[in-house]
Protein backbone atom coordinates (compact mmCIF):
# COMPACT_ATOMS: atom_id res chain seq x y z
CA MET A 1 26.32 2.39 -5.26
CA LEU A 2 22.70 4.21 -5.64
CA ARG A 3 22.48 7.57 -4.20
CA ILE A 4 19.30 8.94 -3.10
CA ASP A 5 18.76 12.24 -1.39
CA GLY A 6 15.67 11.71 0.71
CA ALA A 7 14.99 15.30 0.92
CA GLN A 8 13.82 15.13 -2.77
CA ARG A 9 10.34 15.41 -3.94
CA SER A 10 8.07 14.45 -0.94
CA GLY A 11 10.92 13.88 1.37
CA SER A 12 8.80 11.23 3.06
CA GLY A 13 8.97 7.54 4.04
CA THR A 14 7.90 6.67 0.49
CA ILE A 15 11.59 7.21 -0.78
CA VAL A 16 12.96 4.84 2.16
CA ARG A 17 10.67 2.08 1.09
CA THR A 18 10.81 2.23 -2.33
CA ALA A 19 14.51 2.58 -2.80
CA VAL A 20 15.40 0.10 -0.31
CA THR A 21 12.90 -2.36 -2.66
CA LEU A 22 14.37 -1.39 -5.90
CA ALA A 23 18.03 -1.94 -4.35
CA THR A 24 17.22 -5.08 -3.15
CA LEU A 25 15.66 -6.07 -6.73
CA LEU A 26 18.78 -4.79 -8.44
CA GLY A 27 21.36 -6.21 -6.07
CA GLU A 28 23.09 -2.45 -5.92
CA GLU A 29 24.34 -0.80 -2.76
CA LEU A 30 21.91 2.08 -1.52
CA HIS A 31 23.06 5.15 0.25
CA LEU A 32 20.20 7.07 1.24
CA TRP A 33 20.68 10.49 3.21
CA ASN A 34 18.39 13.09 4.46
CA ILE A 35 15.74 10.52 5.62
CA ARG A 36 12.25 12.04 5.78
CA ALA A 37 13.71 15.27 5.87
CA LYS A 38 10.17 17.13 5.29
CA ARG A 39 8.24 15.21 8.09
CA ASP A 40 7.48 16.69 11.53
CA LYS A 41 10.03 14.08 12.90
CA PRO A 42 12.82 13.60 10.58
CA GLY A 43 14.40 10.25 10.10
CA LEU A 44 13.48 6.54 10.48
CA ARG A 45 10.33 5.64 12.44
CA PRO A 46 9.86 2.14 13.44
CA GLN A 47 7.90 1.18 10.65
CA HIS A 48 10.64 2.33 8.24
CA LEU A 49 13.24 0.99 10.09
CA GLN A 50 11.46 -2.60 10.28
CA ALA A 51 10.87 -2.11 6.27
CA ILE A 52 14.70 -1.79 5.79
CA LYS A 53 15.35 -4.94 8.20
CA ALA A 54 12.83 -6.94 6.32
CA CYS A 55 14.58 -6.49 3.10
CA GLN A 56 18.03 -7.26 4.70
CA GLU A 57 16.66 -10.37 6.32
CA ILE A 58 15.10 -11.68 2.94
CA CYS A 59 18.33 -11.34 0.89
CA GLN A 60 20.62 -11.58 3.62
CA GLY A 61 21.92 -8.16 3.13
CA GLU A 62 23.67 -5.61 5.73
CA VAL A 63 23.11 -2.26 6.59
CA GLU A 64 24.94 0.55 8.38
CA GLY A 65 22.59 3.61 10.37
CA ALA A 66 19.73 1.55 10.98
CA ARG A 67 18.09 2.72 14.02
CA VAL A 68 15.22 4.94 14.91
CA GLY A 69 15.82 8.56 14.22
CA SER A 70 18.41 7.95 11.95
CA ARG A 71 18.80 10.13 8.93
CA GLU A 72 21.19 8.28 6.75
CA VAL A 73 21.70 4.50 5.97
CA ILE A 74 23.86 2.43 3.81
CA TYR A 75 22.37 -0.72 2.67
CA ARG A 76 24.23 -3.47 1.00
CA PRO A 77 21.52 -6.30 -0.51
CA GLY A 78 22.57 -9.80 -0.68
CA ARG A 79 22.50 -11.64 -3.81
CA GLU A 80 19.45 -13.85 -3.52
CA ILE A 81 15.90 -13.17 -2.55
CA ARG A 82 14.87 -15.84 -0.35
CA GLY A 83 11.81 -17.68 -0.25
CA GLY A 84 10.26 -18.99 2.81
CA HIS A 85 8.28 -17.82 5.68
CA TYR A 86 9.29 -14.62 7.87
CA GLU A 87 7.69 -12.77 11.21
CA TRP A 88 8.18 -9.04 11.69
CA ASP A 89 7.02 -7.05 14.57
CA ILE A 90 6.87 -3.44 14.15
CA GLY A 91 6.32 -2.87 17.78
CA THR A 92 3.95 0.12 17.51
CA ALA A 93 1.10 0.89 15.54
CA GLY A 94 3.13 1.59 12.66
CA SER A 95 1.49 0.41 9.33
CA THR A 96 1.72 -3.14 8.35
CA THR A 97 0.55 -2.21 5.10
CA MET A 98 3.16 -0.11 4.22
CA LEU A 99 5.52 -2.83 5.16
CA THR A 100 3.75 -5.32 3.05
CA LEU A 101 4.09 -2.90 0.09
CA THR A 102 7.83 -2.58 0.53
CA ILE A 103 8.20 -6.41 0.35
CA LEU A 104 5.59 -7.45 -2.29
CA PRO A 105 7.62 -6.50 -5.22
CA LEU A 106 10.39 -8.55 -3.96
CA THR A 107 7.85 -11.75 -3.78
CA CYS A 108 7.55 -11.69 -7.81
CA PHE A 109 11.40 -12.50 -7.92
CA ALA A 110 11.99 -14.57 -4.92
CA SER A 111 13.89 -18.01 -5.20
CA GLY A 112 10.44 -19.74 -4.23
CA ARG A 113 7.11 -19.12 -2.39
CA LEU A 114 7.50 -16.63 0.14
CA SER A 115 5.12 -15.70 3.04
CA PHE A 116 5.21 -13.19 6.02
CA ARG A 117 3.53 -12.38 9.15
CA VAL A 118 3.31 -8.66 10.34
CA THR A 119 2.44 -7.39 13.64
CA GLY A 120 1.49 -3.57 13.90
CA GLY A 121 -1.27 -1.45 12.89
CA LEU A 122 -3.68 -2.36 10.32
CA PHE A 123 -6.07 0.55 10.40
CA GLN A 124 -4.83 4.36 10.79
CA ASP A 125 -4.56 7.94 9.23
CA PHE A 126 -2.09 8.21 6.55
CA ALA A 127 -2.04 4.77 5.36
CA PRO A 128 -4.06 2.51 3.42
CA SER A 129 -6.01 0.26 5.15
CA ALA A 130 -5.60 -3.51 4.98
CA PHE A 131 -8.89 -3.91 3.49
CA HIS A 132 -7.92 -1.65 0.42
CA THR A 133 -4.61 -3.86 -0.02
CA GLN A 134 -6.60 -6.92 0.14
CA TYR A 135 -9.78 -5.99 -1.86
CA VAL A 136 -8.01 -3.42 -4.19
CA LEU A 137 -4.54 -3.62 -4.85
CA LEU A 138 -3.74 -7.32 -4.94
CA PRO A 139 -6.74 -8.37 -7.28
CA LEU A 140 -5.28 -5.63 -9.70
CA LEU A 141 -1.47 -7.12 -9.16
CA ARG A 142 -3.03 -10.52 -9.90
CA ARG A 143 -3.77 -9.29 -13.29
CA MET A 144 -0.34 -8.23 -13.49
CA GLY A 145 1.12 -11.63 -12.68
CA LEU A 146 1.57 -11.33 -8.74
CA ARG A 147 -0.25 -13.95 -7.14
CA ALA A 148 -0.44 -12.94 -3.48
CA LYS A 149 -3.19 -13.41 -0.80
CA LEU A 150 -3.65 -11.16 2.39
CA GLU A 151 -5.73 -12.45 5.53
CA VAL A 152 -6.26 -10.32 8.48
CA GLU A 153 -5.77 -12.56 11.52
CA LYS A 154 -6.31 -9.51 14.21
CA PRO A 155 -7.00 -6.08 13.70
CA GLY A 156 -4.95 -3.29 15.19
CA TYR A 157 -5.43 0.19 15.78
CA VAL A 158 -3.71 3.51 16.82
CA PRO A 159 -2.21 3.62 19.49
CA GLU A 160 -1.54 0.27 20.76
CA GLY A 161 -1.24 -1.45 17.45
CA GLY A 162 -0.97 -5.27 18.24
CA GLY A 163 -2.86 -6.22 14.85
CA VAL A 164 -1.48 -9.09 12.57
CA LEU A 165 -1.77 -9.81 8.81
CA GLN A 166 -0.56 -12.57 6.91
CA VAL A 167 0.48 -12.63 3.27
CA LYS A 168 1.53 -15.36 0.87
CA ALA A 169 2.75 -14.95 -2.62
CA GLN A 170 4.50 -16.85 -5.20
CA PRO A 171 7.02 -15.75 -7.91
CA GLY A 172 5.78 -14.65 -11.37
CA ARG A 173 6.58 -12.43 -13.98
CA LEU A 174 5.02 -8.79 -14.36
CA ARG A 175 3.16 -7.67 -17.11
CA ALA A 176 1.49 -4.43 -18.02
CA LEU A 177 -1.70 -2.78 -16.72
CA ARG A 178 -4.03 -0.75 -19.08
CA LEU A 179 -6.73 0.92 -17.33
CA THR A 180 -7.80 3.59 -19.99
CA ASP A 181 -11.67 3.55 -19.61
CA ARG A 182 -13.25 3.96 -16.36
CA GLY A 183 -16.68 2.34 -17.47
CA GLU A 184 -19.72 2.32 -15.44
CA VAL A 185 -19.88 1.37 -11.79
CA SER A 186 -21.29 -2.47 -11.54
CA HIS A 187 -21.23 -2.69 -7.74
CA VAL A 188 -19.77 -1.35 -4.43
CA ARG A 189 -18.78 -3.71 -1.69
CA GLY A 190 -17.46 -3.02 1.89
CA ILE A 191 -16.79 -3.67 5.08
CA ALA A 192 -17.70 -2.01 8.56
CA LEU A 193 -15.37 -3.48 11.10
CA SER A 194 -15.28 -2.51 14.96
CA SER A 195 -13.60 -4.06 17.94
CA HIS A 196 -14.98 -4.03 21.62
CA LEU A 197 -17.82 -1.63 20.21
CA GLU A 198 -20.85 -4.09 19.66
CA GLU A 199 -22.85 -2.66 22.54
CA ALA A 200 -22.58 0.97 20.67
CA ARG A 201 -23.78 -0.83 17.23
CA VAL A 202 -20.48 0.92 15.83
CA SER A 203 -20.26 -1.33 12.74
CA GLU A 204 -23.93 -1.25 11.82
CA ARG A 205 -23.83 2.59 12.15
CA LEU A 206 -20.95 2.69 9.88
CA ALA A 207 -22.70 0.37 7.13
CA GLU A 208 -26.01 2.20 7.45
CA GLU A 209 -24.78 5.77 6.94
CA CYS A 210 -22.53 4.98 4.14
CA ARG A 211 -25.35 2.92 2.12
CA LYS A 212 -27.44 5.80 2.67
CA VAL A 213 -25.18 8.56 1.45
CA LEU A 214 -24.09 6.20 -1.50
CA GLN A 215 -27.79 5.43 -2.10
CA ARG A 216 -28.70 9.13 -2.55
CA ARG A 217 -26.49 9.15 -5.47
CA GLY A 218 -28.28 6.09 -7.02
CA ILE A 219 -25.19 3.62 -5.81
CA LYS A 220 -26.42 0.58 -3.96
CA ALA A 221 -23.59 -0.93 -1.59
CA ALA A 222 -23.16 -4.37 -0.13
CA ILE A 223 -21.20 -3.77 3.26
CA GLU A 224 -20.62 -6.55 5.51
CA VAL A 225 -20.76 -5.57 9.28
CA ARG A 226 -18.13 -7.38 11.24
CA TYR A 227 -17.64 -7.21 15.01
CA ASP A 228 -14.19 -8.19 16.65
CA ASP A 229 -13.28 -9.01 20.22
CA ARG A 230 -9.63 -9.92 19.23
CA ALA A 231 -7.94 -6.71 19.35
CA VAL A 232 -5.79 -5.25 21.84
CA GLN A 233 -8.06 -1.95 22.00
CA LYS A 234 -11.13 -0.56 20.94
CA GLY A 235 -11.24 0.51 17.42
CA ALA A 236 -13.43 0.74 14.19
CA ALA A 237 -12.67 1.14 10.53
CA LEU A 238 -14.64 1.25 7.40
CA GLY A 239 -13.59 0.38 3.63
CA ILE A 240 -15.46 0.41 0.45
CA TRP A 241 -14.57 -0.43 -2.91
CA ALA A 242 -16.16 0.18 -6.48
CA GLU A 243 -15.97 -2.45 -9.30
CA THR A 244 -16.71 -1.07 -13.06
CA THR A 245 -17.71 -2.55 -16.07
CA THR A 246 -14.41 -2.41 -17.57
CA GLY A 247 -12.64 -4.04 -14.41
CA CYS A 248 -11.42 -0.84 -12.67
CA LEU A 249 -11.08 -1.10 -8.94
CA LEU A 250 -11.54 2.04 -6.94
CA GLY A 251 -11.57 2.18 -3.11
CA ALA A 252 -11.98 4.53 0.00
CA ASP A 253 -11.62 4.03 3.77
CA MET A 254 -10.93 5.70 7.04
CA ALA A 255 -10.26 4.59 10.54
CA GLY A 256 -11.72 5.57 13.95
CA ARG A 257 -10.38 7.49 16.27
CA PRO A 258 -11.48 9.09 19.79
CA GLY A 259 -14.22 11.88 18.85
CA ARG A 260 -14.77 10.63 15.45
CA ARG A 261 -18.54 9.53 15.39
CA SER A 262 -19.26 6.62 13.24
CA GLU A 263 -21.91 8.58 10.98
CA GLN A 264 -19.10 11.02 10.37
CA ILE A 265 -16.59 8.37 9.21
CA ALA A 266 -19.16 6.72 7.01
CA ARG A 267 -20.05 10.12 5.10
CA ARG A 268 -16.60 10.91 4.67
CA VAL A 269 -15.73 7.53 3.07
CA ALA A 270 -18.72 7.56 1.05
CA GLN A 271 -18.00 11.34 -0.20
CA ASP A 272 -14.44 10.25 -0.86
CA LEU A 273 -15.41 7.20 -3.55
CA LEU A 274 -17.77 9.74 -4.89
CA GLN A 275 -15.30 12.24 -5.52
CA THR A 276 -13.00 9.74 -6.94
CA LEU A 277 -15.50 8.50 -9.52
CA GLU A 278 -16.69 12.00 -10.36
CA THR A 279 -12.97 12.58 -11.70
CA GLY A 280 -13.30 9.90 -14.28
CA ALA A 281 -10.05 8.34 -12.73
CA THR A 282 -9.47 4.60 -13.37
CA VAL A 283 -7.46 4.07 -9.98
CA ASP A 284 -7.75 5.59 -6.62
CA ARG A 285 -5.62 7.97 -4.86
CA PHE A 286 -3.64 4.95 -2.97
CA LEU A 287 -3.27 2.84 -6.37
CA ALA A 288 -2.23 6.08 -8.21
CA ASP A 289 1.21 5.71 -6.66
CA GLN A 290 1.21 2.18 -5.38
CA LEU A 291 1.11 0.72 -8.84
CA ILE A 292 3.95 2.82 -10.52
CA ILE A 293 6.83 0.35 -9.22
CA TYR A 294 5.14 -2.79 -10.60
CA CYS A 295 4.58 -0.93 -13.87
CA ALA A 296 8.06 -0.02 -13.96
CA LEU A 297 9.19 -3.44 -13.42
CA ALA A 298 6.78 -5.23 -15.96
CA GLU A 299 6.86 -5.92 -19.53
CA GLY A 300 5.02 -3.47 -21.83
CA THR A 301 3.42 -0.08 -21.31
CA SER A 302 1.11 0.50 -18.48
CA GLU A 303 -1.46 3.35 -18.44
CA TYR A 304 -3.93 4.48 -16.36
CA PHE A 305 -5.62 7.99 -15.04
CA PHE A 306 -5.63 9.10 -11.35
CA PRO A 307 -7.87 11.68 -9.42
CA GLU A 308 -5.11 14.22 -8.77
CA LEU A 309 -1.14 14.57 -8.88
CA THR A 310 0.23 13.94 -5.43
CA ASP A 311 3.42 14.32 -4.03
CA HIS A 312 3.63 10.29 -3.64
CA VAL A 313 2.81 9.95 -7.15
CA GLU A 314 5.80 12.39 -8.18
CA THR A 315 7.92 10.57 -5.96
CA ASN A 316 7.48 7.02 -7.40
CA LEU A 317 7.59 8.14 -10.90
CA TRP A 318 10.84 9.96 -10.01
CA LEU A 319 12.34 6.82 -8.28
CA ALA A 320 11.09 4.49 -11.18
CA GLU A 321 13.13 6.49 -13.70
CA GLU A 322 16.14 7.39 -11.38
CA ILE A 323 17.03 3.88 -10.21
CA LEU A 324 15.05 1.70 -12.72
CA GLY A 325 15.40 3.70 -15.88
CA ALA A 326 11.96 3.22 -16.88
CA ARG A 327 10.28 5.99 -18.97
CA VAL A 328 7.66 7.66 -17.91
CA GLU A 329 5.05 10.05 -19.85
CA LEU A 330 2.73 12.21 -17.50
CA GLU A 331 0.03 14.18 -19.26
CA GLY A 332 -2.44 15.95 -16.86
CA ASN A 333 -3.96 13.19 -14.89
CA ARG A 334 -2.88 10.40 -17.27
CA VAL A 335 0.38 8.51 -16.86
CA LYS A 336 1.97 6.02 -19.35
CA ILE A 337 4.98 3.86 -17.87
CA HIS A 338 6.85 1.94 -20.34
CA GLY A 339 8.36 -0.87 -18.17
CA ILE A 340 11.55 -2.29 -18.46
CA GLY A 341 10.56 -6.03 -18.40
CA PHE A 342 12.93 -6.86 -15.39
CA HIS A 343 14.09 -9.92 -14.59
CA ARG A 344 16.90 -11.11 -12.05
CA ASN A 345 20.15 -11.98 -13.47
CA PRO A 346 21.57 -15.02 -11.63
CA PHE A 347 24.85 -14.32 -9.50
């Protein structure tokens, strides 16, 4: 049995999601305690609970203690990661992208094509947006051998949620990713989205201000303006991403909320991207921890430079070593991950 103390490192939901994913892949029982011990509301929140249940459903596993607020669970994965179509509703504005990140590694080792539809929040603070997953993470994972496509069916914001995204993926072996030379920025693209806010020109204001800030630094940005009337509430989000001459992708995003002006959001997003580029990093702050598990599972040595060492990076590196036995070399803001070339043995 894998035994993981959830109070270690970040003490966050990252431990829950990553540990359950890896236990499912390995087919090993998991005892997880002190869940989210370092968060204001310790224990499982709805989005973490749904992530566990989603893994359980895909592999026909069993789980004890799976309820909102629980600080301890025992998870027994089933033998097969089954392909097919699945639908999950978080029931709140909890992050659909975080649940997606829990499931994506499983799709590489499923018995067949796997698709899923998730209802909840798509744009909020403290989670990567659906745009980042769609236009930054997935293209990089495609280079590693994970063939997946994400579509936003309906935006969802805090506090109502109600957004829907759909993911389709097919199995494939993972290979290493090396991003050691940032190169020069070749272009910047983005999406400025708002729901039920067309009269206030929110999407246009997001795009215009963001373009102005980037232009002052000599960077031209092509930002698509989108208006939506399907969301269950008013809301907005801005996501941008830069592609470099060496194939690096780096993104920045921010969601709207009451009291945040469009121009404030736009300036913050533009400045976040510029600051990331100034570090010389080859990945952004989200990719820095998101890529670790894929690199650990892949065959070969992956390497990249991140903007700063965060507790999420430290946590996923720890779990890659602790659970998978991958070897990690960390020097400054450069990480090398020696993948284990994982493949699932038939049961």
